[in-house]
Protein backbone atom coordinates (compact mmCIF):
# COMPACT_ATOMS: atom_id res chain seq x y z
CA MET A 1 108.57 74.85 98.48
CA THR A 2 110.91 76.70 96.06
CA PRO A 3 112.82 79.79 97.24
CA GLN A 4 110.75 81.95 94.90
CA THR A 5 107.44 80.54 96.28
CA SER A 6 108.69 81.11 99.80
CA ARG A 7 109.59 84.74 99.00
CA LEU A 8 106.13 85.29 97.50
CA ALA A 9 104.49 83.85 100.60
CA TYR A 10 106.51 86.08 102.91
CA GLY A 11 105.84 89.10 100.67
CA ALA A 12 102.09 88.38 100.76
CA ILE A 13 102.11 88.22 104.55
CA ILE A 14 104.03 91.51 104.85
CA ALA A 15 101.65 93.24 102.41
CA ALA A 16 98.61 91.98 104.34
CA ALA A 17 100.04 93.14 107.68
CA VAL A 18 100.75 96.69 106.40
CA LEU A 19 97.35 96.98 104.73
CA TRP A 20 95.65 95.87 107.94
CA GLY A 21 97.57 98.54 109.81
CA GLY A 22 95.92 101.09 107.52
CA SER A 23 92.56 99.40 108.05
CA ILE A 24 92.58 100.39 111.76
CA VAL A 25 92.54 104.04 110.69
CA ALA A 26 89.95 103.37 107.98
CA GLN A 27 87.66 101.63 110.49
CA LYS A 28 87.87 104.58 112.91
CA LEU A 29 87.04 106.98 110.05
CA ALA A 30 84.17 104.80 108.75
CA LEU A 31 82.54 104.76 112.20
CA SER A 32 81.78 108.48 111.89
CA GLY A 33 79.22 107.74 109.14
CA PHE A 34 78.26 104.11 109.73
CA SER A 35 77.44 101.95 112.73
CA ALA A 36 79.79 99.05 113.43
CA VAL A 37 77.39 96.52 111.94
CA GLU A 38 76.65 98.67 108.88
CA ALA A 39 80.36 99.17 108.19
CA SER A 40 81.05 95.47 108.65
CA VAL A 41 78.17 94.33 106.40
CA LEU A 42 78.97 96.81 103.64
CA ARG A 43 82.66 95.94 103.86
CA ASP A 44 81.93 92.23 103.53
CA ILE A 45 79.39 92.61 100.71
CA GLY A 46 81.88 94.70 98.73
CA GLY A 47 84.75 92.31 99.41
CA LEU A 48 82.57 89.33 98.51
CA ALA A 49 81.64 90.87 95.14
CA ILE A 50 85.35 91.35 94.30
CA LEU A 51 86.37 87.86 95.51
CA LEU A 52 83.54 86.08 93.69
CA THR A 53 84.39 87.88 90.45
CA THR A 54 88.07 87.00 90.84
CA TRP A 55 87.25 83.39 91.72
CA TRP A 56 84.95 82.96 88.73
CA TRP A 57 87.58 84.44 86.42
CA GLN A 58 90.47 82.36 87.77
CA GLU A 59 88.76 79.08 88.69
CA GLY A 60 85.12 79.21 87.64
CA SER A 61 84.30 75.64 88.60
CA VAL A 62 81.81 73.95 90.90
CA VAL A 63 83.13 73.71 94.45
CA LYS A 64 82.90 70.15 95.71
CA LEU A 65 82.47 70.19 99.45
CA THR A 66 82.16 67.33 101.91
CA LYS A 67 80.00 67.63 105.03
CA SER A 68 83.19 68.12 107.01
CA ASP A 69 84.23 70.98 104.68
CA VAL A 70 80.83 72.67 105.10
CA ARG A 71 81.06 72.49 108.89
CA MET A 72 84.60 73.88 108.83
CA LEU A 73 83.63 76.70 106.44
CA GLY A 74 80.78 77.62 108.76
CA LEU A 75 83.15 77.80 111.74
CA LEU A 76 85.68 79.81 109.73
CA GLY A 77 82.88 82.17 108.69
CA LEU A 78 82.29 82.84 112.38
CA GLY A 79 86.00 83.65 112.67
CA VAL A 80 85.73 86.23 109.90
CA LEU A 81 82.56 87.66 111.45
CA GLY A 82 84.21 87.90 114.87
CA ASN A 83 87.31 89.59 113.49
CA HIS A 84 85.52 92.19 111.37
CA LEU A 85 82.64 93.02 113.72
CA LEU A 86 84.33 92.77 117.13
CA ILE A 87 87.24 95.01 116.14
CA LEU A 88 84.89 97.62 114.68
CA MET A 89 82.79 97.53 117.85
CA GLY A 90 85.91 97.78 120.01
CA LEU A 91 87.22 100.81 118.10
CA LYS A 92 84.17 102.75 119.23
CA TYR A 93 85.67 102.74 122.74
CA VAL A 94 89.46 102.93 122.18
CA SER A 95 91.76 104.91 119.92
CA GLY A 96 93.22 103.54 116.71
CA ALA A 97 96.67 103.44 118.33
CA VAL A 98 95.45 101.36 121.26
CA GLY A 99 93.52 99.06 118.94
CA GLY A 100 96.55 98.68 116.71
CA VAL A 101 98.80 97.72 119.61
CA ILE A 102 96.36 95.08 120.84
CA ILE A 103 96.12 93.68 117.33
CA GLY A 104 99.92 93.39 117.51
CA SER A 105 99.42 90.43 119.86
CA SER A 106 97.95 88.46 116.96
CA PRO A 107 101.20 86.57 116.15
CA VAL A 108 101.50 85.25 119.70
CA VAL A 109 97.82 84.46 120.02
CA THR A 110 97.99 82.52 116.75
CA ALA A 111 101.13 80.65 117.78
CA LEU A 112 99.70 79.82 121.23
CA LEU A 113 96.39 78.55 119.88
CA SER A 114 98.17 76.73 117.07
CA ALA A 115 100.38 74.94 119.63
CA MET A 116 97.30 74.01 121.69
CA LEU A 117 94.95 72.98 118.86
CA ILE A 118 97.05 71.47 116.04
CA ARG A 119 100.34 71.08 117.98
CA ASP A 120 102.53 72.29 115.14
CA VAL A 121 104.93 73.52 117.81
CA PRO A 122 105.23 72.48 121.48
CA LEU A 123 103.39 74.58 124.04
CA ARG A 124 106.63 75.03 126.02
CA ALA A 125 108.06 76.98 123.08
CA VAL A 126 105.38 79.68 123.15
CA TRP A 127 104.20 80.17 126.73
CA ALA A 128 106.98 82.60 127.81
CA GLY A 129 106.50 84.82 124.76
CA SER A 130 102.74 84.63 125.25
CA LEU A 131 103.02 85.98 128.77
CA LEU A 132 105.16 88.90 127.59
CA SER A 133 102.73 89.82 124.83
CA PHE A 134 99.68 89.49 127.05
CA ALA A 135 101.35 91.78 129.58
CA GLY A 136 101.68 94.33 126.79
CA VAL A 137 98.00 93.93 125.88
CA GLY A 138 97.03 94.40 129.53
CA LEU A 139 99.11 97.55 129.81
CA VAL A 140 97.64 99.06 126.68
CA SER A 141 94.12 98.17 127.82
CA VAL A 142 94.70 100.19 131.01
CA ALA A 143 96.17 102.99 128.87
CA GLY A 144 92.86 102.96 127.04
CA PHE A 145 91.41 104.95 129.91
CA GLN A 146 93.33 107.90 128.52
CA ALA A 147 92.05 107.24 124.98
CA ALA A 148 88.73 107.82 123.31
CA GLY A 149 85.50 106.35 124.65
CA ASP A 150 83.68 105.74 127.97
CA GLN A 151 84.38 102.00 128.20
CA PRO A 152 87.99 101.45 127.22
CA LEU A 153 88.34 98.07 128.93
CA LEU A 154 85.29 96.82 127.03
CA GLY A 155 86.77 98.20 123.82
CA SER A 156 90.12 96.52 124.45
CA LEU A 157 88.40 93.22 125.23
CA LEU A 158 86.34 93.39 122.00
CA VAL A 159 89.43 94.13 119.90
CA PHE A 160 91.31 91.26 121.59
CA LEU A 161 88.44 88.84 120.96
CA GLY A 162 88.58 89.94 117.32
CA VAL A 163 92.27 88.94 117.34
CA VAL A 164 91.40 85.53 118.78
CA SER A 165 88.78 85.08 116.07
CA TRP A 166 91.36 85.74 113.36
CA ALA A 167 93.91 83.40 114.96
CA LEU A 168 91.36 80.57 114.89
CA TYR A 169 90.48 81.44 111.28
CA SER A 170 94.17 81.30 110.25
CA ILE A 171 94.67 77.91 111.90
CA GLY A 172 91.52 76.32 110.51
CA GLY A 173 91.98 77.93 107.13
CA ARG A 174 95.32 76.28 106.56
CA GLN A 175 93.87 72.83 107.12
CA LEU A 176 91.01 73.51 104.72
CA MET A 177 93.42 74.86 102.07
CA GLU A 178 95.00 71.43 101.84
CA ARG A 179 91.90 70.51 99.80
CA HIS A 180 90.65 73.85 98.42
CA SER A 181 92.23 77.01 97.01
CA ALA A 182 92.83 80.04 99.21
CA LEU A 183 90.39 82.00 97.03
CA THR A 184 87.62 79.44 97.53
CA VAL A 185 88.12 79.44 101.29
CA ASN A 186 88.19 83.23 101.31
CA TRP A 187 84.92 83.91 99.50
CA THR A 188 82.96 81.05 101.04
CA THR A 189 83.84 82.06 104.62
CA LEU A 190 83.16 85.70 103.82
CA LEU A 191 79.75 84.69 102.46
CA VAL A 192 78.93 82.91 105.72
CA ALA A 193 79.99 85.96 107.74
CA THR A 194 77.91 88.31 105.55
CA VAL A 195 74.71 86.21 105.76
CA ILE A 196 74.96 85.97 109.55
CA GLN A 197 75.52 89.72 109.93
CA ILE A 198 72.62 91.03 107.84
CA PRO A 199 69.93 90.44 110.51
CA LEU A 200 72.12 92.34 112.99
CA LEU A 201 71.46 95.55 110.98
CA TRP A 202 68.21 95.93 112.87
CA THR A 203 70.08 96.09 116.19
CA ASP A 204 72.81 98.63 115.27
CA ARG A 205 71.79 101.39 112.87
CA LYS A 206 73.28 104.78 112.07
CA MET A 207 73.33 105.47 108.35
CA LEU A 208 70.04 103.60 107.88
CA ASP A 209 68.35 105.97 110.37
CA ALA A 210 70.09 109.20 109.35
CA GLY A 211 69.96 108.59 105.57
CA LEU A 212 72.64 108.39 102.88
CA GLU A 213 73.09 112.19 102.91
CA SER A 214 74.61 111.86 106.40
CA VAL A 215 77.58 109.91 104.99
CA THR A 216 80.50 112.09 103.87
CA PRO A 217 82.89 111.36 100.96
CA ALA A 218 85.59 110.61 103.59
CA ASP A 219 83.34 107.97 105.13
CA TRP A 220 82.84 106.32 101.72
CA MET A 221 86.58 106.43 101.01
CA ALA A 222 87.29 104.77 104.34
CA LEU A 223 84.72 102.06 103.57
CA GLY A 224 86.22 101.62 100.09
CA TYR A 225 89.66 101.01 101.65
CA LEU A 226 88.16 98.36 103.91
CA VAL A 227 86.45 96.65 101.00
CA LEU A 228 89.29 96.66 98.50
CA PHE A 229 92.47 96.61 100.52
CA ALA A 230 91.63 95.23 103.96
CA THR A 231 89.16 92.56 102.85
CA ALA A 232 89.67 91.54 99.23
CA ILE A 233 93.42 92.01 98.82
CA ALA A 234 94.88 91.66 102.35
CA GLN A 235 92.73 88.68 103.34
CA GLN A 236 93.62 86.83 100.14
CA ALA A 237 97.32 87.69 100.54
CA TRP A 238 97.23 86.44 104.14
CA LEU A 239 95.67 83.10 103.22
CA TYR A 240 98.18 82.65 100.40
CA GLY A 241 101.04 83.33 102.81
CA VAL A 242 99.64 81.07 105.55
CA LYS A 243 99.25 78.24 103.03
CA GLY A 244 102.87 78.68 101.99
CA ILE A 245 104.69 79.07 105.31
CA GLY A 246 102.17 78.07 107.99
CA PRO A 247 100.24 80.01 110.65
CA SER A 248 103.04 80.20 113.23
CA ARG A 249 105.68 81.66 110.90
CA ALA A 250 103.16 83.88 109.08
CA SER A 251 101.86 85.30 112.34
CA VAL A 252 105.32 86.55 113.33
CA LEU A 253 105.25 89.09 110.48
CA GLY A 254 101.94 90.38 111.84
CA ASN A 255 104.00 92.69 114.11
CA LEU A 256 104.08 95.13 111.19
CA THR A 257 100.34 95.74 111.65
CA PRO A 258 100.53 97.67 114.99
CA VAL A 259 103.56 99.65 113.81
CA ALA A 260 101.65 100.81 110.72
CA ALA A 261 98.47 101.38 112.75
CA ILE A 262 100.20 103.56 115.35
CA ALA A 263 102.07 105.64 112.73
CA LEU A 264 98.96 106.20 110.61
CA SER A 265 96.77 106.93 113.66
CA ALA A 266 99.21 109.63 114.74
CA VAL A 267 99.41 111.16 111.24
CA LEU A 268 95.84 110.82 109.98
CA LEU A 269 93.78 110.84 113.19
CA ASN A 270 96.03 113.16 115.19
CA GLU A 271 96.03 110.66 118.07
CA SER A 272 98.67 110.99 120.71
CA VAL A 273 100.91 108.02 121.33
CA GLY A 274 102.09 107.88 124.94
CA MET A 275 104.61 105.88 126.93
CA ASN A 276 102.05 103.21 127.82
CA GLU A 277 101.37 102.43 124.15
CA ILE A 278 105.09 102.41 123.34
CA LEU A 279 105.93 100.12 126.30
CA GLY A 280 102.95 97.93 125.42
CA ILE A 281 104.12 97.39 121.88
CA VAL A 282 107.69 96.73 123.10
CA LEU A 283 106.37 93.97 125.38
CA ILE A 284 104.19 92.54 122.60
CA LEU A 285 107.05 92.53 120.07
CA ALA A 286 109.40 91.05 122.67
CA GLY A 287 106.92 88.21 123.10
CA VAL A 288 106.76 87.77 119.32
CA TRP A 289 110.57 87.63 119.17
CA VAL A 290 110.72 85.00 121.95
CA VAL A 291 108.10 82.83 120.25
CA ASP A 292 109.85 83.13 116.88
CA ARG A 293 113.24 82.31 118.39
CA GLN A 294 111.96 79.26 120.23
CA THR A 295 109.95 77.89 117.30
CA SER A 296 112.83 78.53 114.86
CA ARG A 297 115.14 76.39 117.01
CA LEU A 298 112.67 73.52 116.91
CA THR A 299 112.26 73.63 113.12
CA ALA A 300 115.92 74.28 112.29
């Protein structure tokens, strides 16, 4: 990899992390007009339209998939579905700040699962940092009792499972991108997630029951951010970065997501950020630093 390509990969990961920090706020705002499933389905349909148009313009060729590729794309689609839907569902029960801090554990979760599943780094290099980060997640989950919602532990668990879904997607996506472009992997997995979600609209309705007039311009703007920035742009940037520098290194830069989420939640949602959230993010970032330090030594 040339220095310029490496810089582009790192830049793409940083951009994705910051945009996803903003998406936490956008998801909270969108939930005022849409149910979690409605917001997720509309987000994915909009993102899919953009990605398919971009793919056709840039590549526009028949995708040749093996049976193994189809199986992997199906599994990765479940990862996209889990990330988009579980986080939206979790944010009904916890604040944007709490959700953002839990999402900050993504680098360590990705590194830990990567060490266990594809063994790109030894497990001994990530277990200590994982414990630190998970302690931070646990602390913030307890702090959720002071945040929005009646079931904060359920909300924290749903958000965390969304993080696990994305970690698995990042790991599997890199292997698939050895044979297919990041854009192809992106739109095909998003298509799988969209198709699976559509029947769920009958189980979780808000806008469909209240009518389009119940949705405010702010709700549509929040949904537009999720479609354009959080799904089409950030997801493509993330896959490009992961392809260039690998899931373990890429995930380290994910610590920008909770920082952006907390700052924007405080400014745009007027959410209070207490000592528990601050200590939680310190523990999570300390875990990220330990994992990065240990894995850097092994690859130096």
